[in-house]
C-alpha atoms as a PDB file:
ATOM      1  CA  MET A   1     136.556  89.771  73.094  1.00  0.00           C
ATOM      2  CA  ILE A   2     135.296  90.544  70.043  1.00  0.00           C
ATOM      3  CA  GLU A   3     132.523  93.383  70.040  1.00  0.00           C
ATOM      4  CA  ILE A   4     128.993  93.459  68.709  1.00  0.00           C
ATOM      5  CA  SER A   5     129.898  96.370  66.271  1.00  0.00           C
ATOM      6  CA  GLN A   6     132.683  94.224  64.950  1.00  0.00           C
ATOM      7  CA  LEU A   7     130.401  91.214  64.360  1.00  0.00           C
ATOM      8  CA  GLN A   8     127.972  93.608  62.325  1.00  0.00           C
ATOM      9  CA  THR A   9     130.804  94.772  60.172  1.00  0.00           C
ATOM     10  CA  LEU A  10     132.222  91.397  59.425  1.00  0.00           C
ATOM     11  CA  VAL A  11     128.508  90.137  58.745  1.00  0.00           C
ATOM     12  CA  ALA A  12     127.987  93.093  56.564  1.00  0.00           C
ATOM     13  CA  VAL A  13     130.802  92.446  54.828  1.00  0.00           C
ATOM     14  CA  ALA A  14     130.657  89.349  53.983  1.00  0.00           C
ATOM     15  CA  LYS A  15     126.976  89.608  52.876  1.00  0.00           C
ATOM     16  CA  ILE A  16     127.781  92.395  50.434  1.00  0.00           C
ATOM     17  CA  GLY A  17     131.547  91.112  49.524  1.00  0.00           C
ATOM     18  CA  SER A  18     132.825  94.876  49.616  1.00  0.00           C
ATOM     19  CA  PHE A  19     134.482  96.808  52.121  1.00  0.00           C
ATOM     20  CA  SER A  20     133.431 100.133  50.411  1.00  0.00           C
ATOM     21  CA  LYS A  21     129.803  98.974  50.147  1.00  0.00           C
ATOM     22  CA  ALA A  22     129.720  97.671  53.594  1.00  0.00           C
ATOM     23  CA  ALA A  23     130.972 101.184  54.826  1.00  0.00           C
ATOM     24  CA  GLU A  24     128.142 102.678  53.114  1.00  0.00           C
ATOM     25  CA  SER A  25     125.421 100.315  54.338  1.00  0.00           C
ATOM     26  CA  LEU A  26     126.575 100.992  58.246  1.00  0.00           C
ATOM     27  CA  LYS A  27     127.037 104.685  57.571  1.00  0.00           C
ATOM     28  CA  VAL A  28     130.927 104.507  58.560  1.00  0.00           C
ATOM     29  CA  THR A  29     133.997 105.196  56.658  1.00  0.00           C
ATOM     30  CA  GLN A  30     135.714 102.459  54.941  1.00  0.00           C
ATOM     31  CA  SER A  31     138.714 102.726  57.025  1.00  0.00           C
ATOM     32  CA  ALA A  32     136.807 101.946  60.026  1.00  0.00           C
ATOM     33  CA  ILE A  33     135.871  98.869  58.073  1.00  0.00           C
ATOM     34  CA  SER A  34     139.182  97.855  57.394  1.00  0.00           C
ATOM     35  CA  GLN A  35     140.344  98.576  61.172  1.00  0.00           C
ATOM     36  CA  SER A  36     137.127  96.462  62.491  1.00  0.00           C
ATOM     37  CA  ILE A  37     138.438  93.554  60.236  1.00  0.00           C
ATOM     38  CA  LYS A  38     141.876  94.090  61.142  1.00  0.00           C
ATOM     39  CA  ASN A  39     140.913  93.852  65.234  1.00  0.00           C
ATOM     40  CA  ILE A  40     139.106  90.858  64.736  1.00  0.00           C
ATOM     41  CA  GLU A  41     142.014  89.333  63.006  1.00  0.00           C
ATOM     42  CA  SER A  42     144.564  90.503  65.422  1.00  0.00           C
ATOM     43  CA  ARG A  43     142.125  88.905  67.961  1.00  0.00           C
ATOM     44  CA  ILE A  44     142.087  85.574  66.548  1.00  0.00           C
ATOM     45  CA  GLY A  45     145.318  85.516  65.045  1.00  0.00           C
ATOM     46  CA  VAL A  46     144.006  84.711  61.515  1.00  0.00           C
ATOM     47  CA  LYS A  47     142.446  86.051  58.131  1.00  0.00           C
ATOM     48  CA  ILE A  48     138.737  85.964  58.152  1.00  0.00           C
ATOM     49  CA  PHE A  49     138.724  87.843  54.619  1.00  0.00           C
ATOM     50  CA  LYS A  50     140.754  87.104  51.013  1.00  0.00           C
ATOM     51  CA  ARG A  51     140.671  88.720  47.688  1.00  0.00           C
ATOM     52  CA  ALA A  52     138.449  87.267  44.891  1.00  0.00           C
ATOM     53  CA  GLY A  53     138.897  89.124  41.895  1.00  0.00           C
ATOM     54  CA  LYS A  54     137.191  92.842  42.962  1.00  0.00           C
ATOM     55  CA  LYS A  55     135.077  91.139  45.762  1.00  0.00           C
ATOM     56  CA  VAL A  56     136.278  89.625  49.172  1.00  0.00           C
ATOM     57  CA  VAL A  57     135.039  86.328  50.801  1.00  0.00           C
ATOM     58  CA  LEU A  58     135.317  84.748  53.737  1.00  0.00           C
ATOM     59  CA  THR A  59     138.496  82.259  54.335  1.00  0.00           C
ATOM     60  CA  LEU A  60     137.279  78.996  55.905  1.00  0.00           C
ATOM     61  CA  GLU A  61     137.878  80.286  59.377  1.00  0.00           C
ATOM     62  CA  GLY A  62     135.805  83.527  58.618  1.00  0.00           C
ATOM     63  CA  GLU A  63     133.138  81.106  57.648  1.00  0.00           C
ATOM     64  CA  LYS A  64     132.682  79.541  61.120  1.00  0.00           C
ATOM     65  CA  LEU A  65     132.554  83.600  62.545  1.00  0.00           C
ATOM     66  CA  PHE A  66     130.066  84.699  59.983  1.00  0.00           C
ATOM     67  CA  HIS A  67     127.710  81.715  60.850  1.00  0.00           C
ATOM     68  CA  MET A  68     128.032  82.680  64.503  1.00  0.00           C
ATOM     69  CA  GLY A  69     127.850  86.459  64.303  1.00  0.00           C
ATOM     70  CA  ASN A  70     125.003  86.143  61.727  1.00  0.00           C
ATOM     71  CA  LEU A  71     123.050  83.820  64.183  1.00  0.00           C
ATOM     72  CA  PHE A  72     124.168  85.789  67.099  1.00  0.00           C
ATOM     73  CA  ILE A  73     122.762  89.503  65.561  1.00  0.00           C
ATOM     74  CA  SER A  74     119.533  87.993  64.288  1.00  0.00           C
ATOM     75  CA  GLN A  75     118.831  86.474  67.991  1.00  0.00           C
ATOM     76  CA  MET A  76     119.564  89.965  69.327  1.00  0.00           C
ATOM     77  CA  GLU A  77     117.514  91.771  66.946  1.00  0.00           C
ATOM     78  CA  ASP A  78     114.585  89.629  67.505  1.00  0.00           C
ATOM     79  CA  VAL A  79     115.056  90.044  71.350  1.00  0.00           C
ATOM     80  CA  LEU A  80     115.076  93.852  70.956  1.00  0.00           C
ATOM     81  CA  ASP A  81     111.940  93.971  69.255  1.00  0.00           C
ATOM     82  CA  GLU A  82     110.389  91.743  71.429  1.00  0.00           C
ATOM     83  CA  ILE A  83     111.667  94.060  74.151  1.00  0.00           C
ATOM     84  CA  LYS A  84     110.169  97.550  72.247  1.00  0.00           C
ATOM     85  CA  GLN A  85     106.684  95.468  71.812  1.00  0.00           C
ATOM     86  CA  ASP A  86     106.584  94.548  75.413  1.00  0.00           C
ATOM     87  CA  LYS A  87     106.831  97.741  76.575  1.00  0.00           C
ATOM     88  CA  GLU A  88     103.901  98.877  75.454  1.00  0.00           C
ATOM     89  CA  SER A  89     101.934  95.349  75.883  1.00  0.00           C
ATOM     90  CA  MET A  90     100.472  93.874  79.202  1.00  0.00           C
ATOM     91  CA  ALA A  91     102.688  90.714  78.579  1.00  0.00           C
ATOM     92  CA  GLY A  92     105.923  90.035  80.840  1.00  0.00           C
ATOM     93  CA  ALA A  93     106.422  89.583  84.309  1.00  0.00           C
ATOM     94  CA  ILE A  94     105.253  91.337  87.331  1.00  0.00           C
ATOM     95  CA  ARG A  95     107.260  91.140  91.030  1.00  0.00           C
ATOM     96  CA  VAL A  96     105.656  91.678  94.399  1.00  0.00           C
ATOM     97  CA  GLY A  97     107.111  91.592  97.547  1.00  0.00           C
ATOM     98  CA  THR A  98     105.232  92.587 100.984  1.00  0.00           C
ATOM     99  CA  LEU A  99     105.057  90.976 104.614  1.00  0.00           C
ATOM    100  CA  THR A 100     103.081  87.671 104.895  1.00  0.00           C
ATOM    101  CA  GLY A 101     100.195  89.180 106.937  1.00  0.00           C
ATOM    102  CA  ILE A 102      98.920  91.924 104.171  1.00  0.00           C
ATOM    103  CA  GLY A 103     100.445  89.157 101.374  1.00  0.00           C
ATOM    104  CA  LYS A 104      97.961  86.792 102.096  1.00  0.00           C
ATOM    105  CA  SER A 105      94.496  88.900 103.218  1.00  0.00           C
ATOM    106  CA  TRP A 106      95.114  91.698 100.376  1.00  0.00           C
ATOM    107  CA  LEU A 107      97.700  91.282  97.813  1.00  0.00           C
ATOM    108  CA  ALA A 108      97.469  87.959  96.811  1.00  0.00           C
ATOM    109  CA  PRO A 109      93.227  87.976  96.127  1.00  0.00           C
ATOM    110  CA  MET A 110      93.941  91.409  93.937  1.00  0.00           C
ATOM    111  CA  MET A 111      96.906  90.169  92.319  1.00  0.00           C
ATOM    112  CA  LEU A 112      94.905  87.157  91.135  1.00  0.00           C
ATOM    113  CA  GLN A 113      92.140  89.265  89.957  1.00  0.00           C
ATOM    114  CA  ILE A 114      94.962  91.098  87.472  1.00  0.00           C
ATOM    115  CA  ALA A 115      96.281  87.761  86.846  1.00  0.00           C
ATOM    116  CA  ASP A 116      92.827  86.880  85.558  1.00  0.00           C
ATOM    117  CA  GLU A 117      92.321  90.386  83.693  1.00  0.00           C
ATOM    118  CA  PHE A 118      95.480  90.050  82.046  1.00  0.00           C
ATOM    119  CA  PRO A 119      96.191  86.467  81.063  1.00  0.00           C
ATOM    120  CA  GLU A 120      99.737  87.448  79.322  1.00  0.00           C
ATOM    121  CA  LEU A 121     100.887  88.505  82.713  1.00  0.00           C
ATOM    122  CA  THR A 122     103.292  86.357  84.827  1.00  0.00           C
ATOM    123  CA  ILE A 123     102.760  87.422  88.205  1.00  0.00           C
ATOM    124  CA  SER A 124     105.243  86.322  91.168  1.00  0.00           C
ATOM    125  CA  ILE A 125     104.426  87.312  94.776  1.00  0.00           C
ATOM    126  CA  ASN A 126     107.311  86.909  97.413  1.00  0.00           C
ATOM    127  CA  LEU A 127     105.738  86.677 101.461  1.00  0.00           C
ATOM    128  CA  GLY A 128     108.855  87.437 103.507  1.00  0.00           C
ATOM    129  CA  PHE A 129     110.834  89.318 106.082  1.00  0.00           C
ATOM    130  CA  GLN A 130     111.080  93.152 105.546  1.00  0.00           C
ATOM    131  CA  GLU A 131     115.021  93.270 105.664  1.00  0.00           C
ATOM    132  CA  ASP A 132     115.108  90.532 102.644  1.00  0.00           C
ATOM    133  CA  LEU A 133     112.443  92.324 100.713  1.00  0.00           C
ATOM    134  CA  VAL A 134     114.024  95.370 100.907  1.00  0.00           C
ATOM    135  CA  LYS A 135     117.485  93.974  99.676  1.00  0.00           C
ATOM    136  CA  GLU A 136     115.604  92.389  96.585  1.00  0.00           C
ATOM    137  CA  PHE A 137     113.925  95.554  96.010  1.00  0.00           C
ATOM    138  CA  ASP A 138     117.287  97.488  95.857  1.00  0.00           C
ATOM    139  CA  ASN A 139     118.689  94.863  93.914  1.00  0.00           C
ATOM    140  CA  TYR A 140     115.702  95.240  91.232  1.00  0.00           C
ATOM    141  CA  GLU A 141     114.385  91.760  91.767  1.00  0.00           C
ATOM    142  CA  LEU A 142     111.120  93.089  92.818  1.00  0.00           C
ATOM    143  CA  ASP A 143     109.109  95.464  90.482  1.00  0.00           C
ATOM    144  CA  PHE A 144     107.055  96.763  93.959  1.00  0.00           C
ATOM    145  CA  LEU A 145     107.278  96.437  97.473  1.00  0.00           C
ATOM    146  CA  ILE A 146     104.653  97.100 100.088  1.00  0.00           C
ATOM    147  CA  LEU A 147     105.533  97.691 103.605  1.00  0.00           C
ATOM    148  CA  PRO A 148     104.747  99.648 106.493  1.00  0.00           C
ATOM    149  CA  GLU A 149     105.928 103.240 106.285  1.00  0.00           C
ATOM    150  CA  GLU A 150     108.800 103.050 108.961  1.00  0.00           C
ATOM    151  CA  ALA A 151     110.208 100.023 106.934  1.00  0.00           C
ATOM    152  CA  LEU A 152     110.435 101.108 103.621  1.00  0.00           C
ATOM    153  CA  PRO A 153     114.009 101.526 101.573  1.00  0.00           C
ATOM    154  CA  THR A 154     115.630 104.838 100.808  1.00  0.00           C
ATOM    155  CA  THR A 155     115.719 103.692  97.078  1.00  0.00           C
ATOM    156  CA  GLY A 156     112.963 104.359  94.697  1.00  0.00           C
ATOM    157  CA  GLU A 157     109.593 106.306  94.761  1.00  0.00           C
ATOM    158  CA  ARG A 158     106.479 105.655  96.895  1.00  0.00           C
ATOM    159  CA  GLU A 159     102.995 106.050  96.715  1.00  0.00           C
ATOM    160  CA  LEU A 160     100.431 105.451  99.633  1.00  0.00           C
ATOM    161  CA  ILE A 161      98.502 102.155  99.659  1.00  0.00           C
ATOM    162  CA  GLY A 162      96.450 102.812 102.966  1.00  0.00           C
ATOM    163  CA  GLU A 163      96.172 102.627 106.600  1.00  0.00           C
ATOM    164  CA  GLU A 164      96.332  99.696 108.333  1.00  0.00           C
ATOM    165  CA  ARG A 165      93.839  99.518 111.311  1.00  0.00           C
ATOM    166  CA  SER A 166      93.360  96.532 114.226  1.00  0.00           C
ATOM    167  CA  VAL A 167      90.281  95.581 116.166  1.00  0.00           C
ATOM    168  CA  PHE A 168      89.908  93.723 119.145  1.00  0.00           C
ATOM    169  CA  VAL A 169      87.921  90.256 118.655  1.00  0.00           C
ATOM    170  CA  TYR A 170      86.333  87.787 121.304  1.00  0.00           C
ATOM    171  CA  PRO A 171      84.612  84.328 120.866  1.00  0.00           C
ATOM    172  CA  ASP A 172      80.909  84.040 120.696  1.00  0.00           C
ATOM    173  CA  LYS A 173      80.386  82.623 123.855  1.00  0.00           C
ATOM    174  CA  PRO A 174      78.484  83.523 127.201  1.00  0.00           C
ATOM    175  CA  GLU A 175      81.965  83.711 129.365  1.00  0.00           C
ATOM    176  CA  TYR A 176      83.234  86.103 127.068  1.00  0.00           C
ATOM    177  CA  GLN A 177      81.041  89.322 128.080  1.00  0.00           C
ATOM    178  CA  VAL A 178      82.216  92.322 126.423  1.00  0.00           C
ATOM    179  CA  ASN A 179      80.480  95.976 126.423  1.00  0.00           C
ATOM    180  CA  GLY A 180      80.680  99.608 127.206  1.00  0.00           C
ATOM    181  CA  ASP A 181      82.179  98.881 130.768  1.00  0.00           C
ATOM    182  CA  LEU A 182      85.025  96.962 129.771  1.00  0.00           C
ATOM    183  CA  THR A 183      88.104  97.605 131.721  1.00  0.00           C
ATOM    184  CA  LEU A 184      91.740  97.156 131.518  1.00  0.00           C
ATOM    185  CA  GLU A 185      91.508  94.379 134.322  1.00  0.00           C
ATOM    186  CA  ASP A 186      88.849  92.595 132.595  1.00  0.00           C
ATOM    187  CA  ILE A 187      91.456  92.633 129.469  1.00  0.00           C
ATOM    188  CA  SER A 188      93.826  91.186 131.455  1.00  0.00           C
ATOM    189  CA  ASN A 189      91.947  88.199 132.706  1.00  0.00           C
ATOM    190  CA  PHE A 190      90.756  87.101 129.855  1.00  0.00           C
ATOM    191  CA  PRO A 191      92.664  84.121 127.969  1.00  0.00           C
ATOM    192  CA  THR A 192      94.920  86.058 125.123  1.00  0.00           C
ATOM    193  CA  ILE A 193      95.863  85.152 122.003  1.00  0.00           C
ATOM    194  CA  LEU A 194      99.258  86.862 120.877  1.00  0.00           C
ATOM    195  CA  PHE A 195     100.892  87.095 117.344  1.00  0.00           C
ATOM    196  CA  GLN A 196     104.583  86.872 119.269  1.00  0.00           C
ATOM    197  CA  GLU A 197     106.187  85.810 122.762  1.00  0.00           C
ATOM    198  CA  GLY A 198     107.916  88.868 123.326  1.00  0.00           C
ATOM    199  CA  GLY A 199     104.600  91.223 123.379  1.00  0.00           C
ATOM    200  CA  ASP A 200     101.902  91.835 120.552  1.00  0.00           C
ATOM    201  CA  SER A 201     102.251  95.485 119.193  1.00  0.00           C
ATOM    202  CA  LEU A 202      98.940  95.304 117.987  1.00  0.00           C
ATOM    203  CA  TYR A 203      97.215  94.147 121.269  1.00  0.00           C
ATOM    204  CA  LEU A 204      99.234  96.680 123.243  1.00  0.00           C
ATOM    205  CA  LYS A 205      98.721  99.538 120.760  1.00  0.00           C
ATOM    206  CA  TRP A 206      94.793  98.892 121.061  1.00  0.00           C
ATOM    207  CA  CYS A 207      94.944  98.686 124.996  1.00  0.00           C
ATOM    208  CA  LYS A 208      96.961 102.172 125.094  1.00  0.00           C
ATOM    209  CA  GLU A 209      94.328 103.314 122.977  1.00  0.00           C
ATOM    210  CA  ARG A 210      91.669 102.289 124.815  1.00  0.00           C
ATOM    211  CA  PHE A 211      92.565 102.696 128.463  1.00  0.00           C
ATOM    212  CA  GLY A 212      95.252 104.907 128.229  1.00  0.00           C
ATOM    213  CA  LYS A 213      97.933 102.383 129.487  1.00  0.00           C
ATOM    214  CA  ILE A 214      99.125  98.632 128.590  1.00  0.00           C
ATOM    215  CA  PRO A 215      98.056  95.844 131.014  1.00  0.00           C
ATOM    216  CA  ARG A 216     101.106  94.879 133.498  1.00  0.00           C
ATOM    217  CA  LYS A 217     100.152  91.007 132.957  1.00  0.00           C
ATOM    218  CA  ILE A 218      98.521  89.581 130.218  1.00  0.00           C
ATOM    219  CA  ASN A 219      97.087  86.052 130.457  1.00  0.00           C
ATOM    220  CA  LYS A 220      98.624  83.826 127.539  1.00  0.00           C
ATOM    221  CA  LYS A 221      96.834  81.305 126.306  1.00  0.00           C
ATOM    222  CA  TYR A 222      97.973  80.737 122.628  1.00  0.00           C
ATOM    223  CA  ILE A 223     100.681  82.470 120.747  1.00  0.00           C
ATOM    224  CA  ILE A 224     101.027  82.057 116.715  1.00  0.00           C
ATOM    225  CA  ASN A 225     102.770  84.691 114.433  1.00  0.00           C
ATOM    226  CA  SER A 226      99.807  84.164 111.723  1.00  0.00           C
ATOM    227  CA  HIS A 227      96.906  86.454 112.334  1.00  0.00           C
ATOM    228  CA  GLY A 228      94.593  83.994 110.257  1.00  0.00           C
ATOM    229  CA  ASN A 229      95.365  81.136 112.982  1.00  0.00           C
ATOM    230  CA  MET A 230      94.621  83.756 115.902  1.00  0.00           C
ATOM    231  CA  LEU A 231      91.066  84.000 114.468  1.00  0.00           C
ATOM    232  CA  GLN A 232      90.581  80.578 114.402  1.00  0.00           C
ATOM    233  CA  ALA A 233      91.591  80.141 117.818  1.00  0.00           C
ATOM    234  CA  VAL A 234      89.181  83.197 118.999  1.00  0.00           C
ATOM    235  CA  GLN A 235      86.392  81.250 117.433  1.00  0.00           C
ATOM    236  CA  LYS A 236      87.287  77.926 118.927  1.00  0.00           C
ATOM    237  CA  GLY A 237      87.123  79.956 122.303  1.00  0.00           C
ATOM    238  CA  LEU A 238      90.443  79.828 123.252  1.00  0.00           C
ATOM    239  CA  GLY A 239      90.479  83.563 124.142  1.00  0.00           C
ATOM    240  CA  VAL A 240      90.695  87.307 122.821  1.00  0.00           C
ATOM    241  CA  ALA A 241      93.036  88.800 120.135  1.00  0.00           C
ATOM    242  CA  VAL A 242      93.701  92.105 118.470  1.00  0.00           C
ATOM    243  CA  VAL A 243      93.624  91.651 114.524  1.00  0.00           C
ATOM    244  CA  PRO A 244      94.103  94.094 111.562  1.00  0.00           C
ATOM    245  CA  VAL A 245      90.887  94.820 110.145  1.00  0.00           C
ATOM    246  CA  HIS A 246      91.469  94.119 106.808  1.00  0.00           C
ATOM    247  CA  VAL A 247      92.778  90.259 107.791  1.00  0.00           C
ATOM    248  CA  LEU A 248      89.460  90.036 109.424  1.00  0.00           C
ATOM    249  CA  ASN A 249      86.877  91.080 106.818  1.00  0.00           C
ATOM    250  CA  ARG A 250      88.553  88.653 104.216  1.00  0.00           C
ATOM    251  CA  SER A 251      88.746  85.943 106.857  1.00  0.00           C
ATOM    252  CA  TYR A 252      86.978  82.551 106.912  1.00  0.00           C
ATOM    253  CA  TYR A 253      86.089  83.542 110.569  1.00  0.00           C
ATOM    254  CA  LYS A 254      84.707  87.065 110.239  1.00  0.00           C
ATOM    255  CA  ASP A 255      81.230  85.856 110.852  1.00  0.00           C
ATOM    256  CA  LYS A 256      82.187  83.216 113.551  1.00  0.00           C
ATOM    257  CA  VAL A 257      83.531  85.684 116.036  1.00  0.00           C
ATOM    258  CA  ASN A 258      82.665  88.966 117.502  1.00  0.00           C
ATOM    259  CA  CYS A 259      84.556  92.385 117.630  1.00  0.00           C
ATOM    260  CA  MET A 260      84.492  95.746 119.133  1.00  0.00           C
ATOM    261  CA  ARG A 261      83.169  98.462 116.755  1.00  0.00           C
ATOM    262  CA  ASP A 262      83.767 101.113 119.088  1.00  0.00           C
ATOM    263  CA  ILE A 263      87.463 101.711 118.574  1.00  0.00           C
ATOM    264  CA  GLU A 264      89.822 100.875 115.845  1.00  0.00           C
ATOM    265  CA  VAL A 265      93.684 101.371 116.277  1.00  0.00           C
ATOM    266  CA  SER A 266      96.047 102.676 113.508  1.00  0.00           C
ATOM    267  CA  ASN A 267      98.899 100.348 112.669  1.00  0.00           C
ATOM    268  CA  GLY A 268     100.713 102.732 110.474  1.00  0.00           C
ATOM    269  CA  LYS A 269     100.658 103.436 106.906  1.00  0.00           C
ATOM    270  CA  PHE A 270     101.516 100.977 103.908  1.00  0.00           C
ATOM    271  CA  PHE A 271     103.323 102.389 100.946  1.00  0.00           C
ATOM    272  CA  VAL A 272     103.871 100.729  97.367  1.00  0.00           C
ATOM    273  CA  ALA A 273     107.644 101.194  96.372  1.00  0.00           C
ATOM    274  CA  TYR A 274     108.558 101.059  92.866  1.00  0.00           C
ATOM    275  CA  HIS A 275     111.757 102.208  90.578  1.00  0.00           C
ATOM    276  CA  LYS A 276     110.760 105.341  88.460  1.00  0.00           C
ATOM    277  CA  GLU A 277     112.400 103.711  85.513  1.00  0.00           C
ATOM    278  CA  SER A 278     110.007 101.127  85.327  1.00  0.00           C
ATOM    279  CA  LEU A 279     107.313 103.249  84.551  1.00  0.00           C
ATOM    280  CA  ASP A 280     108.406 103.271  80.996  1.00  0.00           C
ATOM    281  CA  LEU A 281     106.763  99.707  80.937  1.00  0.00           C
ATOM    282  CA  ASN A 282     102.793  99.686  80.291  1.00  0.00           C
ATOM    283  CA  ARG A 283     102.580  96.974  82.754  1.00  0.00           C
ATOM    284  CA  VAL A 284     104.229  98.594  85.429  1.00  0.00           C
ATOM    285  CA  ARG A 285     102.385 101.694  85.158  1.00  0.00           C
ATOM    286  CA  THR A 286      98.968  99.758  84.984  1.00  0.00           C
ATOM    287  CA  ILE A 287      99.499  97.459  87.966  1.00  0.00           C
ATOM    288  CA  LEU A 288     100.940 100.507  89.990  1.00  0.00           C
ATOM    289  CA  HIS A 289      97.755 102.403  89.110  1.00  0.00           C
ATOM    290  CA  LYS A 290      95.426  99.382  90.657  1.00  0.00           C
ATOM    291  CA  LEU A 291      97.407  99.025  93.660  1.00  0.00           C
ATOM    292  CA  THR A 292      96.965 102.981  94.390  1.00  0.00           C
ATOM    293  CA  SER A 293      93.864 104.135  93.090  1.00  0.00           C
ATOM    294  CA  ALA A 294      91.319 101.416  94.388  1.00  0.00           C
ATOM    295  CA  ARG A 295      89.202 102.024  97.474  1.00  0.00           C
ATOM    296  CA  ASN A 296      91.915 101.923 100.432  1.00  0.00           C
ATOM    297  CA  PRO A 297      92.012  97.955 101.156  1.00  0.00           C
ATOM    298  CA  LEU A 298      93.057  98.456 104.939  1.00  0.00           C
ATOM    299  CA  GLU A 299      90.206 100.594 106.278  1.00  0.00           C
ATOM    300  CA  GLN A 300      87.181  98.028 105.229  1.00  0.00           C
ATOM    301  CA  PHE A 301      85.733  97.138 108.166  1.00  0.00           C
ATOM    302  CA  PRO A 302      84.353  93.737 108.954  1.00  0.00           C
ATOM    303  CA  LEU A 303      80.499  92.805 108.307  1.00  0.00           C
ATOM    304  CA  ASN A 304      79.384  91.095 111.547  1.00  0.00           C
ATOM    305  CA  ALA A 305      81.295  93.949 113.980  1.00  0.00           C
ATOM    306  CA  HIS A 306      79.324  94.267 117.150  1.00  0.00           C
END
């Protein structure tokens, strides 16, 4: 393989027509220039320069290599200049990964505002499973990774985004009488909308915090792994549910369901992970500041709380 430095030597000698003057231009010794050219000729098996009086000129084979090398070096210099300019600009790509729930309710709307503020940015949002997201982050396929504390990768730096909290929601219908006398038995008897079949962790955490224990039975009515669709089911009167506050606050159904304001249960803290070396880029520093300096997006309470 011909090295870039060898191509640079070839181009310099061809343009100047002298080994000694090329050495002065590249700030190396003449013997280094001669050795570099010999290495190229040994690699391709033909001469690339010939003497023409006091000058050296390219052979036919050397001409082919010169044109390719000159174009390559020119393109490389253009790319390097572009990278240097991008370092301080707000142009280029930003890649963010997080879980579907927080992604739809908070991250996507926020990144939409950022995309509008910085039109030269290209923003890519990946909503997926935490195991896949961590692998992508470790492989430097993501600039930012937003996950619960316990799911964060061991690599990279981290900063707190906020604490996610959940709330109990119920239909605005007479048959769902929810007040201060609510018991665990009442909860167990209500038709219930769950996030997953094996047990809804937010629902169980809420019951544990409210009553000191979890229900022995759950009157399962509807199960779907989408908090937005859970709220839609509550609005239709199918049953009660426990959902993240930030999801409810940004949902179309926030004014169409009731919720209990007297207790919010913590679902854990969310952090943003990033690669320290990426902070050399202005666009990464700027987006990190916006993600971490705003009012905690996961603690805002819904407007129609009861």
